[in-house]
C-alpha atoms as a PDB file:
ATOM      1  CA  MET A   1      -2.349-189.726  98.434  1.00  0.00           C
ATOM      2  CA  SER A   2      -2.113-191.635 101.717  1.00  0.00           C
ATOM      3  CA  LYS A   3      -2.347-188.341 103.648  1.00  0.00           C
ATOM      4  CA  GLN A   4      -5.811-187.455 102.305  1.00  0.00           C
ATOM      5  CA  GLU A   5      -8.200-186.618 105.146  1.00  0.00           C
ATOM      6  CA  LYS A   6     -11.921-187.088 105.535  1.00  0.00           C
ATOM      7  CA  GLY A   7     -13.948-184.176 104.256  1.00  0.00           C
ATOM      8  CA  ILE A   8     -16.979-183.054 102.289  1.00  0.00           C
ATOM      9  CA  VAL A   9     -17.344-184.426  98.720  1.00  0.00           C
ATOM     10  CA  PHE A  10     -13.908-186.093  98.764  1.00  0.00           C
ATOM     11  CA  GLY A  11     -12.377-188.349 101.366  1.00  0.00           C
ATOM     12  CA  PRO A  12      -9.338-190.585 101.681  1.00  0.00           C
ATOM     13  CA  ILE A  13      -8.542-192.869  98.768  1.00  0.00           C
ATOM     14  CA  ASP A  14      -9.466-196.496  99.405  1.00  0.00           C
ATOM     15  CA  GLU A  15      -6.631-198.415 101.040  1.00  0.00           C
ATOM     16  CA  MET A  16      -6.920-201.176  98.449  1.00  0.00           C
ATOM     17  CA  PHE A  17      -6.142-198.621  95.743  1.00  0.00           C
ATOM     18  CA  LEU A  18      -3.149-197.321  97.675  1.00  0.00           C
ATOM     19  CA  HIS A  19      -1.793-200.824  98.234  1.00  0.00           C
ATOM     20  CA  ALA A  20      -2.356-201.713  94.575  1.00  0.00           C
ATOM     21  CA  ILE A  21      -0.599-198.557  93.372  1.00  0.00           C
ATOM     22  CA  LEU A  22       2.329-199.219  95.709  1.00  0.00           C
ATOM     23  CA  ALA A  23       2.589-202.829  94.529  1.00  0.00           C
ATOM     24  CA  PHE A  24       2.551-201.878  90.855  1.00  0.00           C
ATOM     25  CA  CYS A  25       5.131-199.148  91.504  1.00  0.00           C
ATOM     26  CA  CYS A  26       7.480-201.717  93.060  1.00  0.00           C
ATOM     27  CA  ILE A  27       6.868-204.115  90.185  1.00  0.00           C
ATOM     28  CA  GLY A  28       7.436-201.261  87.757  1.00  0.00           C
ATOM     29  CA  VAL A  29      10.890-200.509  89.164  1.00  0.00           C
ATOM     30  CA  ALA A  30      12.015-204.112  88.662  1.00  0.00           C
ATOM     31  CA  THR A  31      10.460-204.513  85.213  1.00  0.00           C
ATOM     32  CA  PHE A  32      11.862-201.164  84.071  1.00  0.00           C
ATOM     33  CA  ILE A  33      15.410-202.282  84.888  1.00  0.00           C
ATOM     34  CA  VAL A  34      14.922-205.631  83.133  1.00  0.00           C
ATOM     35  CA  GLU A  35      13.345-204.003  80.081  1.00  0.00           C
ATOM     36  CA  MET A  36      16.139-201.443  79.774  1.00  0.00           C
ATOM     37  CA  VAL A  37      18.812-204.173  79.954  1.00  0.00           C
ATOM     38  CA  TYR A  38      17.067-206.216  77.282  1.00  0.00           C
ATOM     39  CA  ASN A  39      16.614-203.149  75.070  1.00  0.00           C
ATOM     40  CA  LYS A  40      20.323-202.389  75.331  1.00  0.00           C
ATOM     41  CA  LEU A  41      21.245-205.966  74.432  1.00  0.00           C
ATOM     42  CA  ASP A  42      18.822-205.926  71.519  1.00  0.00           C
ATOM     43  CA  ILE A  43      20.159-202.640  70.121  1.00  0.00           C
ATOM     44  CA  PHE A  44      23.910-203.041  70.606  1.00  0.00           C
ATOM     45  CA  ASN A  45      24.327-206.811  70.432  1.00  0.00           C
ATOM     46  CA  HIS A  46      22.392-208.261  67.532  1.00  0.00           C
ATOM     47  CA  GLU A  47      24.007-211.684  67.921  1.00  0.00           C
ATOM     48  CA  ASN A  48      22.975-211.999  71.565  1.00  0.00           C
ATOM     49  CA  LYS A  49      20.346-214.634  72.164  1.00  0.00           C
ATOM     50  CA  CYS A  50      18.077-213.372  74.911  1.00  0.00           C
ATOM     51  CA  CYS A  51      15.865-215.664  76.910  1.00  0.00           C
ATOM     52  CA  ILE A  52      12.794-213.774  75.775  1.00  0.00           C
ATOM     53  CA  ASP A  53      12.152-211.524  72.812  1.00  0.00           C
ATOM     54  CA  VAL A  54      12.108-207.811  73.617  1.00  0.00           C
ATOM     55  CA  VAL A  55       8.691-207.397  71.983  1.00  0.00           C
ATOM     56  CA  TYR A  56       7.266-210.124  74.206  1.00  0.00           C
ATOM     57  CA  LEU A  57       8.896-208.583  77.278  1.00  0.00           C
ATOM     58  CA  SER A  58       7.553-205.101  76.464  1.00  0.00           C
ATOM     59  CA  THR A  59       4.077-206.556  75.990  1.00  0.00           C
ATOM     60  CA  ILE A  60       4.185-208.270  79.382  1.00  0.00           C
ATOM     61  CA  VAL A  61       5.488-205.134  81.114  1.00  0.00           C
ATOM     62  CA  LEU A  62       2.892-202.896  79.475  1.00  0.00           C
ATOM     63  CA  TRP A  63      -0.139-205.031  80.286  1.00  0.00           C
ATOM     64  CA  CYS A  64       0.945-206.305  83.698  1.00  0.00           C
ATOM     65  CA  GLU A  65       2.408-203.107  85.169  1.00  0.00           C
ATOM     66  CA  GLU A  66       1.968-199.888  83.205  1.00  0.00           C
ATOM     67  CA  LEU A  67      -1.654-200.201  82.087  1.00  0.00           C
ATOM     68  CA  PRO A  68      -3.050-201.120  85.545  1.00  0.00           C
ATOM     69  CA  GLN A  69      -1.140-198.245  87.146  1.00  0.00           C
ATOM     70  CA  ILE A  70      -2.184-195.674  84.535  1.00  0.00           C
ATOM     71  CA  GLY A  71      -5.758-197.007  84.620  1.00  0.00           C
ATOM     72  CA  MET A  72      -5.995-196.539  88.393  1.00  0.00           C
ATOM     73  CA  SER A  73      -4.576-193.015  88.088  1.00  0.00           C
ATOM     74  CA  ALA A  74      -7.195-192.178  85.445  1.00  0.00           C
ATOM     75  CA  TYR A  75      -9.966-193.612  87.629  1.00  0.00           C
ATOM     76  CA  ILE A  76      -8.869-191.563  90.641  1.00  0.00           C
ATOM     77  CA  ALA A  77      -8.545-188.413  88.510  1.00  0.00           C
ATOM     78  CA  SER A  78     -12.085-188.902  87.163  1.00  0.00           C
ATOM     79  CA  CYS A  79     -13.513-189.078  90.702  1.00  0.00           C
ATOM     80  CA  ARG A  80     -11.556-186.217  92.254  1.00  0.00           C
ATOM     81  CA  GLU A  81     -11.006-182.582  91.397  1.00  0.00           C
ATOM     82  CA  GLU A  82      -7.676-181.110  92.398  1.00  0.00           C
ATOM     83  CA  SER A  83      -5.666-178.085  91.413  1.00  0.00           C
ATOM     84  CA  THR A  84      -3.072-179.174  88.847  1.00  0.00           C
ATOM     85  CA  SER A  85       0.606-178.851  89.696  1.00  0.00           C
ATOM     86  CA  LEU A  86       3.449-178.546  87.213  1.00  0.00           C
ATOM     87  CA  VAL A  87       4.710-181.953  88.376  1.00  0.00           C
ATOM     88  CA  GLN A  88       1.385-183.555  87.427  1.00  0.00           C
ATOM     89  CA  LEU A  89       1.420-181.791  84.077  1.00  0.00           C
ATOM     90  CA  ILE A  90       4.990-182.909  83.291  1.00  0.00           C
ATOM     91  CA  LYS A  91       4.235-186.481  84.367  1.00  0.00           C
ATOM     92  CA  ALA A  92       1.168-186.690  82.122  1.00  0.00           C
ATOM     93  CA  SER A  93       3.141-185.226  79.217  1.00  0.00           C
ATOM     94  CA  LEU A  94       5.963-187.772  79.679  1.00  0.00           C
ATOM     95  CA  LEU A  95       3.468-190.626  79.786  1.00  0.00           C
ATOM     96  CA  ILE A  96       1.921-189.486  76.519  1.00  0.00           C
ATOM     97  CA  ALA A  97       5.344-189.046  74.903  1.00  0.00           C
ATOM     98  CA  GLY A  98       6.415-192.487  76.136  1.00  0.00           C
ATOM     99  CA  CYS A  99       3.368-194.148  74.601  1.00  0.00           C
ATOM    100  CA  ILE A 100       4.058-192.486  71.250  1.00  0.00           C
ATOM    101  CA  MET A 101       7.731-193.504  71.349  1.00  0.00           C
ATOM    102  CA  ARG A 102       6.865-197.102  72.254  1.00  0.00           C
ATOM    103  CA  THR A 103       4.493-197.373  69.280  1.00  0.00           C
ATOM    104  CA  ILE A 104       7.113-195.964  66.903  1.00  0.00           C
ATOM    105  CA  ILE A 105       9.795-198.337  68.227  1.00  0.00           C
ATOM    106  CA  VAL A 106       7.490-201.330  67.762  1.00  0.00           C
ATOM    107  CA  PHE A 107       6.868-200.408  64.128  1.00  0.00           C
ATOM    108  CA  VAL A 108      10.613-200.001  63.542  1.00  0.00           C
ATOM    109  CA  ARG A 109      11.355-203.365  65.132  1.00  0.00           C
ATOM    110  CA  ILE A 110       8.725-205.105  63.051  1.00  0.00           C
ATOM    111  CA  ARG A 111      10.200-203.701  59.856  1.00  0.00           C
ATOM    112  CA  SER A 112      13.768-204.549  60.896  1.00  0.00           C
ATOM    113  CA  ARG A 113      12.997-208.192  61.736  1.00  0.00           C
ATOM    114  CA  ARG A 114      13.977-210.971  59.389  1.00  0.00           C
ATOM    115  CA  LYS A 115      11.119-212.118  57.232  1.00  0.00           C
ATOM    116  CA  THR A 116      11.028-215.492  58.964  1.00  0.00           C
ATOM    117  CA  ASP A 117      10.630-213.860  62.377  1.00  0.00           C
ATOM    118  CA  SER A 118       8.168-211.202  61.253  1.00  0.00           C
ATOM    119  CA  LYS A 119       5.816-213.836  59.856  1.00  0.00           C
ATOM    120  CA  LYS A 120       5.637-215.852  63.069  1.00  0.00           C
ATOM    121  CA  CYS A 121       2.102-215.879  64.430  1.00  0.00           C
ATOM    122  CA  LEU A 122       3.184-215.311  68.048  1.00  0.00           C
ATOM    123  CA  PHE A 123       5.376-212.380  67.065  1.00  0.00           C
ATOM    124  CA  LEU A 124       2.589-210.731  65.061  1.00  0.00           C
ATOM    125  CA  VAL A 125       0.017-211.247  67.824  1.00  0.00           C
ATOM    126  CA  SER A 126       2.409-209.882  70.459  1.00  0.00           C
ATOM    127  CA  SER A 127       3.165-206.843  68.311  1.00  0.00           C
ATOM    128  CA  PHE A 128      -0.550-206.177  67.836  1.00  0.00           C
ATOM    129  CA  ILE A 129      -1.240-206.543  71.571  1.00  0.00           C
ATOM    130  CA  LEU A 130       1.698-204.241  72.348  1.00  0.00           C
ATOM    131  CA  ILE A 131       0.440-201.555  69.962  1.00  0.00           C
ATOM    132  CA  LEU A 132      -3.106-201.878  71.320  1.00  0.00           C
ATOM    133  CA  GLY A 133      -1.809-201.548  74.884  1.00  0.00           C
ATOM    134  CA  SER A 134       0.231-198.489  73.931  1.00  0.00           C
ATOM    135  CA  ILE A 135      -2.884-196.850  72.498  1.00  0.00           C
ATOM    136  CA  LEU A 136      -4.836-197.600  75.687  1.00  0.00           C
ATOM    137  CA  ALA A 137      -1.984-196.287  77.832  1.00  0.00           C
ATOM    138  CA  PHE A 138      -1.934-193.125  75.716  1.00  0.00           C
ATOM    139  CA  MET A 139      -5.678-192.650  76.247  1.00  0.00           C
ATOM    140  CA  PHE A 140      -5.406-193.219  80.015  1.00  0.00           C
ATOM    141  CA  ALA A 141      -2.475-190.796  80.289  1.00  0.00           C
ATOM    142  CA  LEU A 142      -4.368-188.221  78.238  1.00  0.00           C
ATOM    143  CA  SER A 143      -7.457-188.636  80.435  1.00  0.00           C
ATOM    144  CA  VAL A 144      -5.365-187.963  83.564  1.00  0.00           C
ATOM    145  CA  PHE A 145      -4.193-184.719  81.979  1.00  0.00           C
ATOM    146  CA  VAL A 146      -7.723-183.778  80.850  1.00  0.00           C
ATOM    147  CA  PHE A 147      -9.434-184.559  84.179  1.00  0.00           C
ATOM    148  CA  SER A 148      -6.848-182.575  86.147  1.00  0.00           C
ATOM    149  CA  THR A 149      -6.792-179.616  83.753  1.00  0.00           C
ATOM    150  CA  ILE A 150     -10.415-179.124  82.687  1.00  0.00           C
ATOM    151  CA  GLN A 151     -12.976-178.069  85.280  1.00  0.00           C
ATOM    152  CA  HIS A 152     -16.355-179.605  84.511  1.00  0.00           C
ATOM    153  CA  ASP A 153     -19.796-178.945  85.941  1.00  0.00           C
ATOM    154  CA  GLY A 154     -22.292-181.271  84.305  1.00  0.00           C
ATOM    155  CA  TRP A 155     -21.840-180.618  80.586  1.00  0.00           C
ATOM    156  CA  SER A 156     -20.124-177.288  81.174  1.00  0.00           C
ATOM    157  CA  PHE A 157     -16.338-177.345  80.782  1.00  0.00           C
ATOM    158  CA  LYS A 158     -13.719-174.746  81.650  1.00  0.00           C
ATOM    159  CA  PHE A 159     -10.008-174.963  80.843  1.00  0.00           C
ATOM    160  CA  GLN A 160      -7.724-173.813  83.657  1.00  0.00           C
ATOM    161  CA  ALA A 161      -4.981-171.559  82.356  1.00  0.00           C
ATOM    162  CA  SER A 162      -1.387-172.412  83.219  1.00  0.00           C
ATOM    163  CA  THR A 163      -1.188-169.493  85.681  1.00  0.00           C
ATOM    164  CA  GLU A 164      -3.893-171.206  87.746  1.00  0.00           C
ATOM    165  CA  PHE A 165      -2.148-174.567  88.044  1.00  0.00           C
ATOM    166  CA  GLU A 166      -0.388-173.833  91.323  1.00  0.00           C
ATOM    167  CA  THR A 167      -2.713-171.278  92.903  1.00  0.00           C
ATOM    168  CA  SER A 168      -6.250-172.367  92.054  1.00  0.00           C
ATOM    169  CA  ARG A 169      -8.399-174.280  94.484  1.00  0.00           C
ATOM    170  CA  SER A 170     -11.659-176.075  93.789  1.00  0.00           C
ATOM    171  CA  ASP A 171     -14.646-173.926  94.627  1.00  0.00           C
ATOM    172  CA  PRO A 172     -16.583-175.740  97.386  1.00  0.00           C
ATOM    173  CA  SER A 173     -19.764-173.723  96.767  1.00  0.00           C
ATOM    174  CA  ARG A 174     -19.903-175.171  93.233  1.00  0.00           C
ATOM    175  CA  PHE A 175     -20.316-178.631  94.737  1.00  0.00           C
ATOM    176  CA  PHE A 176     -22.439-177.681  97.727  1.00  0.00           C
ATOM    177  CA  GLY A 177     -25.076-175.716  95.821  1.00  0.00           C
ATOM    178  CA  SER A 178     -28.266-175.920  97.895  1.00  0.00           C
ATOM    179  CA  ALA A 179     -26.867-178.575 100.252  1.00  0.00           C
ATOM    180  CA  GLU A 180     -27.792-178.024 103.886  1.00  0.00           C
ATOM    181  CA  ILE A 181     -27.472-179.777 107.217  1.00  0.00           C
ATOM    182  CA  TYR A 182     -30.667-181.226 108.681  1.00  0.00           C
ATOM    183  CA  ILE A 183     -31.373-182.652 112.115  1.00  0.00           C
ATOM    184  CA  ASN A 184     -33.755-185.445 113.038  1.00  0.00           C
ATOM    185  CA  VAL A 185     -35.011-185.087 116.603  1.00  0.00           C
ATOM    186  CA  ALA A 186     -37.190-187.917 117.897  1.00  0.00           C
ATOM    187  CA  GLU A 187     -38.826-185.695 120.529  1.00  0.00           C
ATOM    188  CA  LEU A 188     -40.206-183.442 117.806  1.00  0.00           C
ATOM    189  CA  ASN A 189     -41.980-186.294 116.044  1.00  0.00           C
ATOM    190  CA  LYS A 190     -45.069-186.131 118.258  1.00  0.00           C
ATOM    191  CA  GLY A 191     -47.943-187.419 116.148  1.00  0.00           C
ATOM    192  CA  SER A 192     -45.756-189.327 113.699  1.00  0.00           C
ATOM    193  CA  THR A 193     -46.016-193.075 113.270  1.00  0.00           C
ATOM    194  CA  GLN A 194     -43.041-195.252 114.146  1.00  0.00           C
ATOM    195  CA  SER A 195     -42.303-195.902 110.450  1.00  0.00           C
ATOM    196  CA  ASN A 196     -41.903-192.168 109.874  1.00  0.00           C
ATOM    197  CA  LEU A 197     -39.861-191.572 113.005  1.00  0.00           C
ATOM    198  CA  ASN A 198     -36.609-191.170 111.078  1.00  0.00           C
ATOM    199  CA  ASN A 199     -38.243-189.342 108.195  1.00  0.00           C
ATOM    200  CA  THR A 200     -38.836-185.979 109.874  1.00  0.00           C
ATOM    201  CA  TRP A 201     -36.142-183.330 109.524  1.00  0.00           C
ATOM    202  CA  LEU A 202     -35.480-179.794 110.667  1.00  0.00           C
ATOM    203  CA  LYS A 203     -33.130-177.615 108.624  1.00  0.00           C
ATOM    204  CA  MET A 204     -30.167-176.236 110.526  1.00  0.00           C
ATOM    205  CA  VAL A 205     -27.613-174.449 108.332  1.00  0.00           C
ATOM    206  CA  ASN A 206     -26.711-173.971 104.672  1.00  0.00           C
ATOM    207  CA  LEU A 207     -23.230-175.199 103.717  1.00  0.00           C
ATOM    208  CA  THR A 208     -22.509-172.198 101.510  1.00  0.00           C
ATOM    209  CA  SER A 209     -23.320-169.794 104.358  1.00  0.00           C
ATOM    210  CA  LEU A 210     -21.139-171.886 106.643  1.00  0.00           C
ATOM    211  CA  ILE A 211     -18.189-171.239 104.307  1.00  0.00           C
ATOM    212  CA  ASP A 212     -18.719-167.484 104.629  1.00  0.00           C
ATOM    213  CA  LYS A 213     -19.254-167.706 108.407  1.00  0.00           C
ATOM    214  CA  PRO A 214     -17.248-170.788 109.459  1.00  0.00           C
ATOM    215  CA  SER A 215     -18.387-170.738 113.088  1.00  0.00           C
ATOM    216  CA  GLN A 216     -22.112-170.831 113.845  1.00  0.00           C
ATOM    217  CA  LEU A 217     -24.018-171.798 116.967  1.00  0.00           C
ATOM    218  CA  GLN A 218     -27.562-173.138 116.692  1.00  0.00           C
ATOM    219  CA  LYS A 219     -29.963-173.485 119.592  1.00  0.00           C
ATOM    220  CA  ILE A 220     -33.202-175.492 119.414  1.00  0.00           C
ATOM    221  CA  LYS A 221     -35.579-175.297 122.343  1.00  0.00           C
ATOM    222  CA  PHE A 222     -39.020-176.867 122.464  1.00  0.00           C
ATOM    223  CA  GLU A 223     -41.735-178.068 124.827  1.00  0.00           C
ATOM    224  CA  ARG A 224     -44.225-180.895 124.609  1.00  0.00           C
ATOM    225  CA  GLU A 225     -47.619-180.287 126.115  1.00  0.00           C
ATOM    226  CA  LYS A 226     -50.909-180.033 124.286  1.00  0.00           C
ATOM    227  CA  LYS A 227     -49.207-178.108 121.493  1.00  0.00           C
ATOM    228  CA  THR A 228     -45.549-177.997 120.580  1.00  0.00           C
ATOM    229  CA  LYS A 229     -43.574-174.777 120.457  1.00  0.00           C
ATOM    230  CA  ILE A 230     -40.169-174.678 118.795  1.00  0.00           C
ATOM    231  CA  LEU A 231     -37.644-171.882 119.258  1.00  0.00           C
ATOM    232  CA  ILE A 232     -34.596-171.818 116.964  1.00  0.00           C
ATOM    233  CA  LYS A 233     -31.804-169.286 117.446  1.00  0.00           C
ATOM    234  CA  THR A 234     -28.674-168.666 115.394  1.00  0.00           C
ATOM    235  CA  PHE A 235     -25.566-167.192 117.021  1.00  0.00           C
ATOM    236  CA  LEU A 236     -22.440-165.825 115.340  1.00  0.00           C
ATOM    237  CA  PRO A 237     -19.124-164.827 116.961  1.00  0.00           C
ATOM    238  CA  ARG A 238     -18.651-161.204 117.907  1.00  0.00           C
ATOM    239  CA  ASN A 239     -15.827-159.329 116.217  1.00  0.00           C
ATOM    240  CA  ASN A 240     -12.453-160.221 117.757  1.00  0.00           C
ATOM    241  CA  SER A 241     -14.182-162.124 120.539  1.00  0.00           C
ATOM    242  CA  ALA A 242     -14.931-165.696 121.561  1.00  0.00           C
ATOM    243  CA  ASP A 243     -18.453-164.667 122.590  1.00  0.00           C
ATOM    244  CA  PHE A 244     -21.487-165.273 120.388  1.00  0.00           C
ATOM    245  CA  GLN A 245     -24.378-162.948 119.663  1.00  0.00           C
ATOM    246  CA  ASN A 246     -27.895-163.832 118.566  1.00  0.00           C
ATOM    247  CA  VAL A 247     -28.454-162.795 114.939  1.00  0.00           C
ATOM    248  CA  LYS A 248     -31.643-164.658 114.053  1.00  0.00           C
ATOM    249  CA  SER A 249     -34.600-166.209 115.869  1.00  0.00           C
ATOM    250  CA  GLU A 250     -37.548-168.239 114.639  1.00  0.00           C
ATOM    251  CA  CYS A 251     -40.433-169.510 116.729  1.00  0.00           C
ATOM    252  CA  TYR A 252     -43.107-171.967 115.626  1.00  0.00           C
ATOM    253  CA  ASN A 253     -46.318-173.015 117.345  1.00  0.00           C
ATOM    254  CA  GLU A 254     -48.121-176.210 116.356  1.00  0.00           C
ATOM    255  CA  THR A 255     -51.684-175.413 115.282  1.00  0.00           C
ATOM    256  CA  SER A 256     -52.671-178.907 114.175  1.00  0.00           C
ATOM    257  CA  LYS A 257     -51.046-182.287 113.716  1.00  0.00           C
ATOM    258  CA  LEU A 258     -47.474-181.541 112.533  1.00  0.00           C
ATOM    259  CA  LEU A 259     -48.480-178.155 111.096  1.00  0.00           C
ATOM    260  CA  PHE A 260     -46.947-174.985 112.521  1.00  0.00           C
ATOM    261  CA  ARG A 261     -47.296-171.242 112.253  1.00  0.00           C
ATOM    262  CA  THR A 262     -44.681-168.618 113.051  1.00  0.00           C
ATOM    263  CA  VAL A 263     -45.155-166.569 116.210  1.00  0.00           C
ATOM    264  CA  ASP A 264     -43.264-163.759 117.902  1.00  0.00           C
ATOM    265  CA  GLU A 265     -40.375-164.691 120.122  1.00  0.00           C
ATOM    266  CA  SER A 266     -42.183-163.164 123.080  1.00  0.00           C
ATOM    267  CA  GLU A 267     -44.748-165.965 122.843  1.00  0.00           C
ATOM    268  CA  CYS A 268     -41.930-168.474 123.265  1.00  0.00           C
ATOM    269  CA  LEU A 269     -40.772-167.054 126.600  1.00  0.00           C
ATOM    270  CA  THR A 270     -42.963-169.579 128.384  1.00  0.00           C
ATOM    271  CA  LEU A 271     -40.430-172.194 127.342  1.00  0.00           C
ATOM    272  CA  ILE A 272     -38.012-170.873 129.933  1.00  0.00           C
ATOM    273  CA  ASN A 273     -40.276-171.822 132.837  1.00  0.00           C
ATOM    274  CA  SER A 274     -41.636-174.991 131.252  1.00  0.00           C
ATOM    275  CA  THR A 275     -41.030-178.249 133.127  1.00  0.00           C
ATOM    276  CA  ASP A 276     -41.304-180.328 129.945  1.00  0.00           C
ATOM    277  CA  GLU A 277     -38.680-178.767 127.745  1.00  0.00           C
ATOM    278  CA  VAL A 278     -35.788-180.015 125.643  1.00  0.00           C
ATOM    279  CA  GLU A 279     -32.850-177.890 124.553  1.00  0.00           C
ATOM    280  CA  ILE A 280     -30.195-178.722 121.951  1.00  0.00           C
ATOM    281  CA  TRP A 281     -27.070-176.648 121.308  1.00  0.00           C
ATOM    282  CA  ILE A 282     -25.006-177.385 118.200  1.00  0.00           C
ATOM    283  CA  HIS A 283     -21.783-175.564 117.340  1.00  0.00           C
ATOM    284  CA  PHE A 284     -20.959-175.938 113.620  1.00  0.00           C
ATOM    285  CA  MET A 285     -17.395-175.292 112.473  1.00  0.00           C
ATOM    286  CA  PHE A 286     -16.233-175.308 108.846  1.00  0.00           C
ATOM    287  CA  LEU A 287     -12.640-176.424 108.328  1.00  0.00           C
ATOM    288  CA  PRO A 288     -11.172-174.670 105.260  1.00  0.00           C
ATOM    289  CA  PRO A 289      -9.879-176.668 102.276  1.00  0.00           C
ATOM    290  CA  THR A 290      -6.264-177.788 102.351  1.00  0.00           C
ATOM    291  CA  ARG A 291      -4.035-179.913 100.158  1.00  0.00           C
ATOM    292  CA  TYR A 292      -5.156-183.017 102.042  1.00  0.00           C
ATOM    293  CA  ARG A 293      -8.778-181.928 102.613  1.00  0.00           C
ATOM    294  CA  LEU A 294      -9.846-180.691  99.193  1.00  0.00           C
ATOM    295  CA  MET A 295     -13.349-179.361  99.914  1.00  0.00           C
ATOM    296  CA  GLY A 296     -12.957-178.726 103.604  1.00  0.00           C
ATOM    297  CA  ASP A 297     -15.052-180.388 106.269  1.00  0.00           C
ATOM    298  CA  VAL A 298     -17.734-179.625 108.846  1.00  0.00           C
ATOM    299  CA  GLN A 299     -17.286-180.511 112.503  1.00  0.00           C
ATOM    300  CA  TYR A 300     -19.771-179.957 115.299  1.00  0.00           C
ATOM    301  CA  ASN A 301     -20.186-180.164 119.051  1.00  0.00           C
ATOM    302  CA  ALA A 302     -23.653-180.939 120.386  1.00  0.00           C
ATOM    303  CA  CYS A 303     -25.190-180.693 123.851  1.00  0.00           C
ATOM    304  CA  HIS A 304     -28.625-182.184 124.496  1.00  0.00           C
ATOM    305  CA  ILE A 305     -30.222-180.708 127.623  1.00  0.00           C
ATOM    306  CA  THR A 306     -33.321-182.191 129.201  1.00  0.00           C
ATOM    307  CA  SER A 307     -33.103-180.284 132.509  1.00  0.00           C
ATOM    308  CA  GLU A 308     -32.273-176.772 133.625  1.00  0.00           C
ATOM    309  CA  GLU A 309     -28.533-177.354 133.421  1.00  0.00           C
ATOM    310  CA  CYS A 310     -26.423-179.491 131.120  1.00  0.00           C
ATOM    311  CA  SER A 311     -25.059-182.518 132.935  1.00  0.00           C
ATOM    312  CA  GLU A 312     -21.287-182.691 133.208  1.00  0.00           C
ATOM    313  CA  ASN A 313     -21.479-186.452 132.654  1.00  0.00           C
ATOM    314  CA  LEU A 314     -21.011-186.834 128.899  1.00  0.00           C
ATOM    315  CA  LYS A 315     -22.640-190.274 128.938  1.00  0.00           C
ATOM    316  CA  THR A 316     -26.020-188.667 129.616  1.00  0.00           C
ATOM    317  CA  CYS A 317     -25.813-186.493 126.498  1.00  0.00           C
ATOM    318  CA  THR A 318     -27.969-187.792 123.644  1.00  0.00           C
ATOM    319  CA  GLU A 319     -26.488-188.001 120.154  1.00  0.00           C
ATOM    320  CA  VAL A 320     -28.173-185.953 117.461  1.00  0.00           C
ATOM    321  CA  ASN A 321     -28.855-187.332 113.999  1.00  0.00           C
ATOM    322  CA  LEU A 322     -27.443-184.925 111.390  1.00  0.00           C
ATOM    323  CA  LYS A 323     -27.406-185.466 107.616  1.00  0.00           C
ATOM    324  CA  TYR A 324     -26.712-183.553 104.413  1.00  0.00           C
ATOM    325  CA  PHE A 325     -29.667-182.937 102.081  1.00  0.00           C
ATOM    326  CA  SER A 326     -30.678-180.608  99.265  1.00  0.00           C
ATOM    327  CA  ALA A 327     -34.237-179.301  99.260  1.00  0.00           C
ATOM    328  CA  LYS A 328     -36.090-179.998  96.018  1.00  0.00           C
ATOM    329  CA  SER A 329     -37.915-176.675  96.223  1.00  0.00           C
ATOM    330  CA  MET A 330     -35.806-173.562  96.807  1.00  0.00           C
ATOM    331  CA  GLU A 331     -38.742-171.273  97.584  1.00  0.00           C
ATOM    332  CA  ASN A 332     -38.655-169.580 100.998  1.00  0.00           C
ATOM    333  CA  ASN A 333     -35.621-171.620 101.953  1.00  0.00           C
ATOM    334  CA  GLN A 334     -34.644-169.076 104.620  1.00  0.00           C
ATOM    335  CA  TYR A 335     -36.922-170.856 107.105  1.00  0.00           C
ATOM    336  CA  HIS A 336     -35.953-173.814 109.246  1.00  0.00           C
ATOM    337  CA  LEU A 337     -39.252-175.542 108.466  1.00  0.00           C
ATOM    338  CA  LYS A 338     -40.785-176.158 105.050  1.00  0.00           C
ATOM    339  CA  PRO A 339     -43.567-173.751 104.021  1.00  0.00           C
ATOM    340  CA  THR A 340     -46.769-175.405 102.858  1.00  0.00           C
ATOM    341  CA  LYS A 341     -48.517-174.431  99.640  1.00  0.00           C
ATOM    342  CA  SER A 342     -50.453-171.739 101.472  1.00  0.00           C
ATOM    343  CA  ASN A 343     -47.142-170.268 102.800  1.00  0.00           C
ATOM    344  CA  SER A 344     -48.933-169.421 106.043  1.00  0.00           C
ATOM    345  CA  LEU A 345     -48.237-172.757 107.706  1.00  0.00           C
ATOM    346  CA  PHE A 346     -45.059-174.807 108.006  1.00  0.00           C
ATOM    347  CA  GLU A 347     -44.226-178.486 108.295  1.00  0.00           C
ATOM    348  CA  PHE A 348     -41.193-180.698 108.793  1.00  0.00           C
ATOM    349  CA  TYR A 349     -39.094-181.776 105.847  1.00  0.00           C
ATOM    350  CA  THR A 350     -39.439-185.397 104.720  1.00  0.00           C
ATOM    351  CA  SER A 351     -37.619-187.578 102.187  1.00  0.00           C
ATOM    352  CA  ASP A 352     -40.194-186.504  99.595  1.00  0.00           C
ATOM    353  CA  ASN A 353     -38.904-182.922  99.860  1.00  0.00           C
ATOM    354  CA  LEU A 354     -35.190-183.724 100.139  1.00  0.00           C
ATOM    355  CA  THR A 355     -32.455-185.150  97.947  1.00  0.00           C
ATOM    356  CA  PRO A 356     -29.533-186.948  99.671  1.00  0.00           C
END
């Protein structure tokens, strides 16, 4: 668990959880040895007077070591989706069997006690607490098995057959859905008030398409004069080559305040000779899922150019603000800008149109 890497949907487990699990594991080793010794003395040496009753000891061990550890495992399993291994399946089965055996042993011990001992209030309360803890431990162990074996999507459940335990991987597209990467560029917010400066977004790439084509290059080029023109190009790698080829181009011309219409790329050629232009190159790369990066991850390199050539001094490069969103309306989502109700004009995305 400590080797989990940052990624989409799932990231590393909180260090506090890891430290807590490690601490309870160490405590569990010591308490297991003590409990086994006391159980042996209780079974084979009835005349032996132990410092503490075995029922009391089992109650302390269960509530102070086993239940916290099983509870944390159940919590982690409920928040993460992983392919189930045979080791996980066997461990969950042994935990369930152990809880059943503990409950049976407690009942046998209660019945075998002398009447004077069995009527003691402390003994009865401890036995009840031990049985209650065993039931909770059984439920936690069962939940670990259920969460790691049943694939759920909302209220839809699917049981993973045993042949899929070792080979299956979580389907990233099931989690991504309509999730896309959006960019907020301050230079494009001409006409926006300061309060809305960080509320204007331009769609870059869909996560599902990035899985299919894990290397994509996006170019945004725009000018700022009386009207704003925006040119967006998408490049994909050539077959068996490190070179990229242009596969899609979109050009927008501002007709009124923050409203755009699409124009031919030929009308955007004036951008090349413009003295007031900004150019942003972003290379998106999808890292495939691994054992330690369950849903994969997206990395990017960005170059922000405000002159004819990109400066070699990295300190002059401006950071770009990228975030994941899902558009509330899926109509005409092939465009980088949001179509208006008339579908003839386009506008930037805002928080009203997006879901984090």
